[in-house]
ModelCIF file with pLDDT and N, C-alpha, C, O atoms, coordinates in Angstrom:
data_MODEL
#
_entry.id   MODEL 
#
_entity.id                         1 
_entity.type                       polymer 
_entity.pdbx_number_of_molecules   1 
#
_entity_poly.entity_id                      1 
_entity_poly.type                           'polypeptide(L)' 
_entity_poly.nstd_linkage                   no 
_entity_poly.nstd_monomer                   no 
_entity_poly.pdbx_seq_one_letter_code       IYKNKETQKKYADIWNDRSDFLVNAMQANNFIHNKAIYNYVDA 
_entity_poly.pdbx_seq_one_letter_code_can   IYKNKETQKKYADIWNDRSDFLVNAMQANNFIHNKAIYNYVDA 
_entity_poly.pdbx_strand_id                 A 
#
loop_
_entity_poly_seq.entity_id 
_entity_poly_seq.num 
_entity_poly_seq.mon_id 
_entity_poly_seq.hetero 
1 1  ILE n 
1 2  TYR n 
1 3  LYS n 
1 4  ASN n 
1 5  LYS n 
1 6  GLU n 
1 7  THR n 
1 8  GLN n 
1 9  LYS n 
1 10 LYS n 
1 11 TYR n 
1 12 ALA n 
1 13 ASP n 
1 14 ILE n 
1 15 TRP n 
1 16 ASN n 
1 17 ASP n 
1 18 ARG n 
1 19 SER n 
1 20 ASP n 
1 21 PHE n 
1 22 LEU n 
1 23 VAL n 
1 24 ASN n 
1 25 ALA n 
1 26 MET n 
1 27 GLN n 
1 28 ALA n 
1 29 ASN n 
1 30 ASN n 
1 31 PHE n 
1 32 ILE n 
1 33 HIS n 
1 34 ASN n 
1 35 LYS n 
1 36 ALA n 
1 37 ILE n 
1 38 TYR n 
1 39 ASN n 
1 40 TYR n 
1 41 VAL n 
1 42 ASP n 
1 43 ALA n 
#
_struct_asym.id          A 
_struct_asym.entity_id   1 
#
loop_
_ma_qa_metric.id 
_ma_qa_metric.mode 
_ma_qa_metric.name 
_ma_qa_metric.software_group_id 
_ma_qa_metric.type 
1 global pLDDT . pLDDT 
2 local  pLDDT . pLDDT 
#
_ma_qa_metric_global.metric_id      1 
_ma_qa_metric_global.metric_value   96.21 
_ma_qa_metric_global.model_id       1 
_ma_qa_metric_global.ordinal_id     1 
#
loop_
_ma_qa_metric_local.label_asym_id 
_ma_qa_metric_local.label_comp_id 
_ma_qa_metric_local.label_seq_id 
_ma_qa_metric_local.metric_id 
_ma_qa_metric_local.metric_value 
_ma_qa_metric_local.model_id 
_ma_qa_metric_local.ordinal_id 
A ILE 1  2 95.00 1 1  
A TYR 2  2 95.00 1 2  
A LYS 3  2 95.00 1 3  
A ASN 4  2 95.00 1 4  
A LYS 5  2 96.00 1 5  
A GLU 6  2 96.00 1 6  
A THR 7  2 96.00 1 7  
A GLN 8  2 97.00 1 8  
A LYS 9  2 97.00 1 9  
A LYS 10 2 95.00 1 10 
A TYR 11 2 96.00 1 11 
A ALA 12 2 97.00 1 12 
A ASP 13 2 96.00 1 13 
A ILE 14 2 95.00 1 14 
A TRP 15 2 96.00 1 15 
A ASN 16 2 95.00 1 16 
A ASP 17 2 95.00 1 17 
A ARG 18 2 95.00 1 18 
A SER 19 2 95.00 1 19 
A ASP 20 2 95.00 1 20 
A PHE 21 2 95.00 1 21 
A LEU 22 2 96.00 1 22 
A VAL 23 2 96.00 1 23 
A ASN 24 2 96.00 1 24 
A ALA 25 2 97.00 1 25 
A MET 26 2 97.00 1 26 
A GLN 27 2 96.00 1 27 
A ALA 28 2 96.00 1 28 
A ASN 29 2 97.00 1 29 
A ASN 30 2 97.00 1 30 
A PHE 31 2 98.00 1 31 
A ILE 32 2 97.00 1 32 
A HIS 33 2 96.00 1 33 
A ASN 34 2 95.00 1 34 
A LYS 35 2 95.00 1 35 
A ALA 36 2 96.00 1 36 
A ILE 37 2 97.00 1 37 
A TYR 38 2 98.00 1 38 
A ASN 39 2 98.00 1 39 
A TYR 40 2 98.00 1 40 
A VAL 41 2 98.00 1 41 
A ASP 42 2 98.00 1 42 
A ALA 43 2 98.00 1 43 
#
loop_
_atom_site.group_PDB 
_atom_site.id 
_atom_site.type_symbol 
_atom_site.label_atom_id 
_atom_site.label_alt_id 
_atom_site.label_comp_id 
_atom_site.label_asym_id 
_atom_site.label_entity_id 
_atom_site.label_seq_id 
_atom_site.pdbx_PDB_ins_code 
_atom_site.Cartn_x 
_atom_site.Cartn_y 
_atom_site.Cartn_z 
_atom_site.occupancy 
_atom_site.B_iso_or_equiv 
_atom_site.pdbx_formal_charge 
_atom_site.auth_seq_id 
_atom_site.auth_comp_id 
_atom_site.auth_asym_id 
_atom_site.auth_atom_id 
_atom_site.pdbx_PDB_model_num 
ATOM 1   N N  . ILE A 1 1  ? 0.756   -0.956  -0.002 1.00 95.00 ? 1  ILE A N  1 
ATOM 2   C CA . ILE A 1 1  ? -0.232  0.015   -0.138 1.00 95.00 ? 1  ILE A CA 1 
ATOM 3   C C  . ILE A 1 1  ? 0.973   1.231   0.146  1.00 95.00 ? 1  ILE A C  1 
ATOM 4   O O  . ILE A 1 1  ? 0.608   2.402   0.247  1.00 95.00 ? 1  ILE A O  1 
ATOM 5   N N  . TYR A 1 2  ? 2.270   0.902   0.252  1.00 95.00 ? 2  TYR A N  1 
ATOM 6   C CA . TYR A 1 2  ? 3.069   2.175   0.283  1.00 95.00 ? 2  TYR A CA 1 
ATOM 7   C C  . TYR A 1 2  ? 4.161   2.331   -1.117 1.00 95.00 ? 2  TYR A C  1 
ATOM 8   O O  . TYR A 1 2  ? 4.691   1.343   -1.626 1.00 95.00 ? 2  TYR A O  1 
ATOM 9   N N  . LYS A 1 3  ? 4.339   3.498   -1.527 1.00 95.00 ? 3  LYS A N  1 
ATOM 10  C CA . LYS A 1 3  ? 5.105   3.430   -2.174 1.00 95.00 ? 3  LYS A CA 1 
ATOM 11  C C  . LYS A 1 3  ? 6.559   3.823   -1.984 1.00 95.00 ? 3  LYS A C  1 
ATOM 12  O O  . LYS A 1 3  ? 7.508   3.676   -2.754 1.00 95.00 ? 3  LYS A O  1 
ATOM 13  N N  . ASN A 1 4  ? 6.504   4.336   -0.822 1.00 95.00 ? 4  ASN A N  1 
ATOM 14  C CA . ASN A 1 4  ? 7.999   4.561   -0.315 1.00 95.00 ? 4  ASN A CA 1 
ATOM 15  C C  . ASN A 1 4  ? 7.980   3.138   0.752  1.00 95.00 ? 4  ASN A C  1 
ATOM 16  O O  . ASN A 1 4  ? 7.169   2.602   1.507  1.00 95.00 ? 4  ASN A O  1 
ATOM 17  N N  . LYS A 1 5  ? 9.910   2.830   0.137  1.00 96.00 ? 5  LYS A N  1 
ATOM 18  C CA . LYS A 1 5  ? 10.130  1.371   0.564  1.00 96.00 ? 5  LYS A CA 1 
ATOM 19  C C  . LYS A 1 5  ? 10.272  1.553   2.098  1.00 96.00 ? 5  LYS A C  1 
ATOM 20  O O  . LYS A 1 5  ? 9.706   0.671   2.745  1.00 96.00 ? 5  LYS A O  1 
ATOM 21  N N  . GLU A 1 6  ? 10.868  2.452   2.772  1.00 96.00 ? 6  GLU A N  1 
ATOM 22  C CA . GLU A 1 6  ? 10.820  2.387   4.032  1.00 96.00 ? 6  GLU A CA 1 
ATOM 23  C C  . GLU A 1 6  ? 9.283   2.289   4.731  1.00 96.00 ? 6  GLU A C  1 
ATOM 24  O O  . GLU A 1 6  ? 9.130   1.382   5.550  1.00 96.00 ? 6  GLU A O  1 
ATOM 25  N N  . THR A 1 7  ? 8.309   3.046   4.490  1.00 96.00 ? 7  THR A N  1 
ATOM 26  C CA . THR A 1 7  ? 7.106   2.670   4.838  1.00 96.00 ? 7  THR A CA 1 
ATOM 27  C C  . THR A 1 7  ? 6.762   1.474   5.076  1.00 96.00 ? 7  THR A C  1 
ATOM 28  O O  . THR A 1 7  ? 6.608   0.863   6.133  1.00 96.00 ? 7  THR A O  1 
ATOM 29  N N  . GLN A 1 8  ? 6.598   1.042   3.471  1.00 97.00 ? 8  GLN A N  1 
ATOM 30  C CA . GLN A 1 8  ? 6.191   -0.559  3.509  1.00 97.00 ? 8  GLN A CA 1 
ATOM 31  C C  . GLN A 1 8  ? 6.783   -1.134  4.261  1.00 97.00 ? 8  GLN A C  1 
ATOM 32  O O  . GLN A 1 8  ? 6.151   -1.441  5.272  1.00 97.00 ? 8  GLN A O  1 
ATOM 33  N N  . LYS A 1 9  ? 8.249   -1.578  4.188  1.00 97.00 ? 9  LYS A N  1 
ATOM 34  C CA . LYS A 1 9  ? 8.944   -2.301  5.102  1.00 97.00 ? 9  LYS A CA 1 
ATOM 35  C C  . LYS A 1 9  ? 8.456   -2.064  6.603  1.00 97.00 ? 9  LYS A C  1 
ATOM 36  O O  . LYS A 1 9  ? 7.928   -3.041  7.135  1.00 97.00 ? 9  LYS A O  1 
ATOM 37  N N  . LYS A 1 10 ? 8.534   -1.203  7.157  1.00 95.00 ? 10 LYS A N  1 
ATOM 38  C CA . LYS A 1 10 ? 7.893   -0.976  8.582  1.00 95.00 ? 10 LYS A CA 1 
ATOM 39  C C  . LYS A 1 10 ? 6.532   -1.358  8.431  1.00 95.00 ? 10 LYS A C  1 
ATOM 40  O O  . LYS A 1 10 ? 6.208   -1.838  9.517  1.00 95.00 ? 10 LYS A O  1 
ATOM 41  N N  . TYR A 1 11 ? 5.497   -1.397  7.593  1.00 96.00 ? 11 TYR A N  1 
ATOM 42  C CA . TYR A 1 11 ? 4.104   -1.897  7.348  1.00 96.00 ? 11 TYR A CA 1 
ATOM 43  C C  . TYR A 1 11 ? 4.074   -3.408  7.902  1.00 96.00 ? 11 TYR A C  1 
ATOM 44  O O  . TYR A 1 11 ? 3.407   -3.977  8.766  1.00 96.00 ? 11 TYR A O  1 
ATOM 45  N N  . ALA A 1 12 ? 5.116   -3.812  6.999  1.00 97.00 ? 12 ALA A N  1 
ATOM 46  C CA . ALA A 1 12 ? 5.256   -5.246  6.353  1.00 97.00 ? 12 ALA A CA 1 
ATOM 47  C C  . ALA A 1 12 ? 5.624   -5.775  7.752  1.00 97.00 ? 12 ALA A C  1 
ATOM 48  O O  . ALA A 1 12 ? 4.801   -6.647  8.034  1.00 97.00 ? 12 ALA A O  1 
ATOM 49  N N  . ASP A 1 13 ? 6.641   -5.589  8.880  1.00 96.00 ? 13 ASP A N  1 
ATOM 50  C CA . ASP A 1 13 ? 7.219   -5.718  10.173 1.00 96.00 ? 13 ASP A CA 1 
ATOM 51  C C  . ASP A 1 13 ? 5.995   -6.079  11.057 1.00 96.00 ? 13 ASP A C  1 
ATOM 52  O O  . ASP A 1 13 ? 5.688   -7.190  11.490 1.00 96.00 ? 13 ASP A O  1 
ATOM 53  N N  . ILE A 1 14 ? 5.316   -4.792  11.238 1.00 95.00 ? 14 ILE A N  1 
ATOM 54  C CA . ILE A 1 14 ? 4.017   -4.920  12.125 1.00 95.00 ? 14 ILE A CA 1 
ATOM 55  C C  . ILE A 1 14 ? 3.178   -6.029  11.602 1.00 95.00 ? 14 ILE A C  1 
ATOM 56  O O  . ILE A 1 14 ? 2.987   -7.029  12.294 1.00 95.00 ? 14 ILE A O  1 
ATOM 57  N N  . TRP A 1 15 ? 2.620   -5.890  10.308 1.00 96.00 ? 15 TRP A N  1 
ATOM 58  C CA . TRP A 1 15 ? 1.959   -6.795  9.821  1.00 96.00 ? 15 TRP A CA 1 
ATOM 59  C C  . TRP A 1 15 ? 2.451   -8.721  10.143 1.00 96.00 ? 15 TRP A C  1 
ATOM 60  O O  . TRP A 1 15 ? 1.793   -9.696  10.506 1.00 96.00 ? 15 TRP A O  1 
ATOM 61  N N  . ASN A 1 16 ? 3.543   -8.566  9.867  1.00 95.00 ? 16 ASN A N  1 
ATOM 62  C CA . ASN A 1 16 ? 4.097   -9.839  10.457 1.00 95.00 ? 16 ASN A CA 1 
ATOM 63  C C  . ASN A 1 16 ? 4.193   -10.299 11.806 1.00 95.00 ? 16 ASN A C  1 
ATOM 64  O O  . ASN A 1 16 ? 4.177   -11.461 12.212 1.00 95.00 ? 16 ASN A O  1 
ATOM 65  N N  . ASP A 1 17 ? 4.343   -8.753  12.731 1.00 95.00 ? 17 ASP A N  1 
ATOM 66  C CA . ASP A 1 17 ? 4.086   -9.113  14.041 1.00 95.00 ? 17 ASP A CA 1 
ATOM 67  C C  . ASP A 1 17 ? 3.008   -9.678  14.465 1.00 95.00 ? 17 ASP A C  1 
ATOM 68  O O  . ASP A 1 17 ? 3.083   -10.574 15.306 1.00 95.00 ? 17 ASP A O  1 
ATOM 69  N N  . ARG A 1 18 ? 1.705   -9.221  13.916 1.00 95.00 ? 18 ARG A N  1 
ATOM 70  C CA . ARG A 1 18 ? 0.520   -9.615  14.324 1.00 95.00 ? 18 ARG A CA 1 
ATOM 71  C C  . ARG A 1 18 ? 0.424   -10.879 13.900 1.00 95.00 ? 18 ARG A C  1 
ATOM 72  O O  . ARG A 1 18 ? 0.130   -11.677 14.790 1.00 95.00 ? 18 ARG A O  1 
ATOM 73  N N  . SER A 1 19 ? 0.604   -11.398 12.640 1.00 95.00 ? 19 SER A N  1 
ATOM 74  C CA . SER A 1 19 ? 0.292   -12.424 12.192 1.00 95.00 ? 19 SER A CA 1 
ATOM 75  C C  . SER A 1 19 ? 1.151   -13.692 13.442 1.00 95.00 ? 19 SER A C  1 
ATOM 76  O O  . SER A 1 19 ? 0.677   -14.723 13.921 1.00 95.00 ? 19 SER A O  1 
ATOM 77  N N  . ASP A 1 20 ? 2.492   -13.077 13.642 1.00 95.00 ? 20 ASP A N  1 
ATOM 78  C CA . ASP A 1 20 ? 3.497   -14.383 14.657 1.00 95.00 ? 20 ASP A CA 1 
ATOM 79  C C  . ASP A 1 20 ? 2.669   -14.458 15.939 1.00 95.00 ? 20 ASP A C  1 
ATOM 80  O O  . ASP A 1 20 ? 2.337   -15.478 16.543 1.00 95.00 ? 20 ASP A O  1 
ATOM 81  N N  . PHE A 1 21 ? 2.301   -12.720 16.352 1.00 95.00 ? 21 PHE A N  1 
ATOM 82  C CA . PHE A 1 21 ? 1.512   -13.187 17.520 1.00 95.00 ? 21 PHE A CA 1 
ATOM 83  C C  . PHE A 1 21 ? 0.331   -14.273 17.906 1.00 95.00 ? 21 PHE A C  1 
ATOM 84  O O  . PHE A 1 21 ? 0.182   -14.897 18.957 1.00 95.00 ? 21 PHE A O  1 
ATOM 85  N N  . LEU A 1 22 ? -0.431  -14.285 16.742 1.00 96.00 ? 22 LEU A N  1 
ATOM 86  C CA . LEU A 1 22 ? -1.518  -14.870 16.845 1.00 96.00 ? 22 LEU A CA 1 
ATOM 87  C C  . LEU A 1 22 ? -1.427  -16.597 16.902 1.00 96.00 ? 22 LEU A C  1 
ATOM 88  O O  . LEU A 1 22 ? -2.041  -17.394 17.612 1.00 96.00 ? 22 LEU A O  1 
ATOM 89  N N  . VAL A 1 23 ? -0.054  -16.881 15.497 1.00 96.00 ? 23 VAL A N  1 
ATOM 90  C CA . VAL A 1 23 ? 0.268   -18.044 15.357 1.00 96.00 ? 23 VAL A CA 1 
ATOM 91  C C  . VAL A 1 23 ? 0.700   -18.958 16.928 1.00 96.00 ? 23 VAL A C  1 
ATOM 92  O O  . VAL A 1 23 ? 0.386   -20.105 17.243 1.00 96.00 ? 23 VAL A O  1 
ATOM 93  N N  . ASN A 1 24 ? 1.451   -18.022 17.627 1.00 96.00 ? 24 ASN A N  1 
ATOM 94  C CA . ASN A 1 24 ? 2.055   -18.157 18.907 1.00 96.00 ? 24 ASN A CA 1 
ATOM 95  C C  . ASN A 1 24 ? 1.405   -18.370 19.779 1.00 96.00 ? 24 ASN A C  1 
ATOM 96  O O  . ASN A 1 24 ? 1.737   -19.212 20.614 1.00 96.00 ? 24 ASN A O  1 
ATOM 97  N N  . ALA A 1 25 ? 0.174   -17.619 19.874 1.00 97.00 ? 25 ALA A N  1 
ATOM 98  C CA . ALA A 1 25 ? -0.773  -17.309 21.009 1.00 97.00 ? 25 ALA A CA 1 
ATOM 99  C C  . ALA A 1 25 ? -1.189  -19.204 20.710 1.00 97.00 ? 25 ALA A C  1 
ATOM 100 O O  . ALA A 1 25 ? -0.830  -20.027 21.552 1.00 97.00 ? 25 ALA A O  1 
ATOM 101 N N  . MET A 1 26 ? -1.972  -19.652 19.407 1.00 97.00 ? 26 MET A N  1 
ATOM 102 C CA . MET A 1 26 ? -2.236  -20.553 19.136 1.00 97.00 ? 26 MET A CA 1 
ATOM 103 C C  . MET A 1 26 ? -1.559  -22.087 19.740 1.00 97.00 ? 26 MET A C  1 
ATOM 104 O O  . MET A 1 26 ? -2.117  -23.081 20.204 1.00 97.00 ? 26 MET A O  1 
ATOM 105 N N  . GLN A 1 27 ? -0.406  -21.828 19.547 1.00 96.00 ? 27 GLN A N  1 
ATOM 106 C CA . GLN A 1 27 ? 0.629   -23.030 19.731 1.00 96.00 ? 27 GLN A CA 1 
ATOM 107 C C  . GLN A 1 27 ? 0.934   -22.904 21.226 1.00 96.00 ? 27 GLN A C  1 
ATOM 108 O O  . GLN A 1 27 ? 1.297   -24.003 21.643 1.00 96.00 ? 27 GLN A O  1 
ATOM 109 N N  . ALA A 1 28 ? 0.923   -22.043 22.115 1.00 96.00 ? 28 ALA A N  1 
ATOM 110 C CA . ALA A 1 28 ? 1.036   -21.584 23.185 1.00 96.00 ? 28 ALA A CA 1 
ATOM 111 C C  . ALA A 1 28 ? -0.353  -22.204 24.176 1.00 96.00 ? 28 ALA A C  1 
ATOM 112 O O  . ALA A 1 28 ? -0.440  -22.258 25.402 1.00 96.00 ? 28 ALA A O  1 
ATOM 113 N N  . ASN A 1 29 ? -1.167  -22.548 23.313 1.00 97.00 ? 29 ASN A N  1 
ATOM 114 C CA . ASN A 1 29 ? -2.473  -22.897 24.541 1.00 97.00 ? 29 ASN A CA 1 
ATOM 115 C C  . ASN A 1 29 ? -3.705  -21.790 24.953 1.00 97.00 ? 29 ASN A C  1 
ATOM 116 O O  . ASN A 1 29 ? -4.689  -22.032 25.651 1.00 97.00 ? 29 ASN A O  1 
ATOM 117 N N  . ASN A 1 30 ? -3.285  -20.302 24.202 1.00 97.00 ? 30 ASN A N  1 
ATOM 118 C CA . ASN A 1 30 ? -4.028  -19.353 24.769 1.00 97.00 ? 30 ASN A CA 1 
ATOM 119 C C  . ASN A 1 30 ? -5.359  -19.133 24.612 1.00 97.00 ? 30 ASN A C  1 
ATOM 120 O O  . ASN A 1 30 ? -5.979  -18.189 25.101 1.00 97.00 ? 30 ASN A O  1 
ATOM 121 N N  . PHE A 1 31 ? -5.877  -20.149 23.814 1.00 98.00 ? 31 PHE A N  1 
ATOM 122 C CA . PHE A 1 31 ? -7.064  -20.292 23.434 1.00 98.00 ? 31 PHE A CA 1 
ATOM 123 C C  . PHE A 1 31 ? -7.656  -21.644 23.608 1.00 98.00 ? 31 PHE A C  1 
ATOM 124 O O  . PHE A 1 31 ? -6.908  -22.531 24.019 1.00 98.00 ? 31 PHE A O  1 
ATOM 125 N N  . ILE A 1 32 ? -8.885  -21.919 23.352 1.00 97.00 ? 32 ILE A N  1 
ATOM 126 C CA . ILE A 1 32 ? -9.431  -23.074 23.814 1.00 97.00 ? 32 ILE A CA 1 
ATOM 127 C C  . ILE A 1 32 ? -10.663 -23.270 22.982 1.00 97.00 ? 32 ILE A C  1 
ATOM 128 O O  . ILE A 1 32 ? -11.584 -22.470 23.147 1.00 97.00 ? 32 ILE A O  1 
ATOM 129 N N  . HIS A 1 33 ? -10.798 -24.293 22.059 1.00 96.00 ? 33 HIS A N  1 
ATOM 130 C CA . HIS A 1 33 ? -12.552 -24.373 21.632 1.00 96.00 ? 33 HIS A CA 1 
ATOM 131 C C  . HIS A 1 33 ? -13.095 -25.546 22.449 1.00 96.00 ? 33 HIS A C  1 
ATOM 132 O O  . HIS A 1 33 ? -12.807 -26.728 22.256 1.00 96.00 ? 33 HIS A O  1 
ATOM 133 N N  . ASN A 1 34 ? -13.755 -25.162 23.200 1.00 95.00 ? 34 ASN A N  1 
ATOM 134 C CA . ASN A 1 34 ? -15.120 -25.830 23.847 1.00 95.00 ? 34 ASN A CA 1 
ATOM 135 C C  . ASN A 1 34 ? -16.123 -25.558 23.110 1.00 95.00 ? 34 ASN A C  1 
ATOM 136 O O  . ASN A 1 34 ? -16.523 -24.467 22.705 1.00 95.00 ? 34 ASN A O  1 
ATOM 137 N N  . LYS A 1 35 ? -16.617 -26.856 22.910 1.00 95.00 ? 35 LYS A N  1 
ATOM 138 C CA . LYS A 1 35 ? -17.636 -26.836 21.861 1.00 95.00 ? 35 LYS A CA 1 
ATOM 139 C C  . LYS A 1 35 ? -19.235 -26.229 22.423 1.00 95.00 ? 35 LYS A C  1 
ATOM 140 O O  . LYS A 1 35 ? -20.097 -25.813 21.649 1.00 95.00 ? 35 LYS A O  1 
ATOM 141 N N  . ALA A 1 36 ? -19.377 -26.290 23.889 1.00 96.00 ? 36 ALA A N  1 
ATOM 142 C CA . ALA A 1 36 ? -20.477 -25.393 24.457 1.00 96.00 ? 36 ALA A CA 1 
ATOM 143 C C  . ALA A 1 36 ? -20.392 -23.975 24.178 1.00 96.00 ? 36 ALA A C  1 
ATOM 144 O O  . ALA A 1 36 ? -21.153 -23.242 23.547 1.00 96.00 ? 36 ALA A O  1 
ATOM 145 N N  . ILE A 1 37 ? -19.230 -23.729 24.822 1.00 97.00 ? 37 ILE A N  1 
ATOM 146 C CA . ILE A 1 37 ? -18.924 -22.054 24.898 1.00 97.00 ? 37 ILE A CA 1 
ATOM 147 C C  . ILE A 1 37 ? -18.712 -21.645 23.510 1.00 97.00 ? 37 ILE A C  1 
ATOM 148 O O  . ILE A 1 37 ? -19.036 -20.524 23.120 1.00 97.00 ? 37 ILE A O  1 
ATOM 149 N N  . TYR A 1 38 ? -18.260 -22.388 22.875 1.00 98.00 ? 38 TYR A N  1 
ATOM 150 C CA . TYR A 1 38 ? -18.178 -21.960 21.291 1.00 98.00 ? 38 TYR A CA 1 
ATOM 151 C C  . TYR A 1 38 ? -19.371 -21.563 20.497 1.00 98.00 ? 38 TYR A C  1 
ATOM 152 O O  . TYR A 1 38 ? -19.486 -20.621 19.712 1.00 98.00 ? 38 TYR A O  1 
ATOM 153 N N  . ASN A 1 39 ? -20.234 -22.461 20.853 1.00 98.00 ? 39 ASN A N  1 
ATOM 154 C CA . ASN A 1 39 ? -21.399 -22.594 20.098 1.00 98.00 ? 39 ASN A CA 1 
ATOM 155 C C  . ASN A 1 39 ? -22.395 -21.602 20.359 1.00 98.00 ? 39 ASN A C  1 
ATOM 156 O O  . ASN A 1 39 ? -23.328 -21.131 19.710 1.00 98.00 ? 39 ASN A O  1 
ATOM 157 N N  . TYR A 1 40 ? -21.883 -21.411 21.596 1.00 98.00 ? 40 TYR A N  1 
ATOM 158 C CA . TYR A 1 40 ? -22.913 -20.215 22.267 1.00 98.00 ? 40 TYR A CA 1 
ATOM 159 C C  . TYR A 1 40 ? -22.560 -19.003 22.063 1.00 98.00 ? 40 TYR A C  1 
ATOM 160 O O  . TYR A 1 40 ? -23.433 -18.135 22.042 1.00 98.00 ? 40 TYR A O  1 
ATOM 161 N N  . VAL A 1 41 ? -21.117 -18.650 21.855 1.00 98.00 ? 41 VAL A N  1 
ATOM 162 C CA . VAL A 1 41 ? -20.470 -17.232 21.468 1.00 98.00 ? 41 VAL A CA 1 
ATOM 163 C C  . VAL A 1 41 ? -21.302 -17.215 19.759 1.00 98.00 ? 41 VAL A C  1 
ATOM 164 O O  . VAL A 1 41 ? -21.964 -16.249 19.379 1.00 98.00 ? 41 VAL A O  1 
ATOM 165 N N  . ASP A 1 42 ? -21.123 -18.242 19.073 1.00 98.00 ? 42 ASP A N  1 
ATOM 166 C CA . ASP A 1 42 ? -21.220 -17.933 17.868 1.00 98.00 ? 42 ASP A CA 1 
ATOM 167 C C  . ASP A 1 42 ? -22.595 -18.032 17.033 1.00 98.00 ? 42 ASP A C  1 
ATOM 168 O O  . ASP A 1 42 ? -22.831 -17.898 15.833 1.00 98.00 ? 42 ASP A O  1 
ATOM 169 N N  . ALA A 1 43 ? -23.411 -18.320 18.151 1.00 98.00 ? 43 ALA A N  1 
ATOM 170 C CA . ALA A 1 43 ? -24.915 -18.078 17.307 1.00 98.00 ? 43 ALA A CA 1 
ATOM 171 C C  . ALA A 1 43 ? -25.418 -16.904 17.952 1.00 98.00 ? 43 ALA A C  1 
ATOM 172 O O  . ALA A 1 43 ? -26.497 -16.424 17.606 1.00 98.00 ? 43 ALA A O  1 
#
């Protein structure tokens, strides 16, 4: 989204940090997929 290479690189770093945060949180079991609770919220 940026023509400026420095800004685009910084944006990519921030974007990838978010992806890493989510993937690492899943691997660290920060979330749980309890069927009853999930279905209630999803409804």
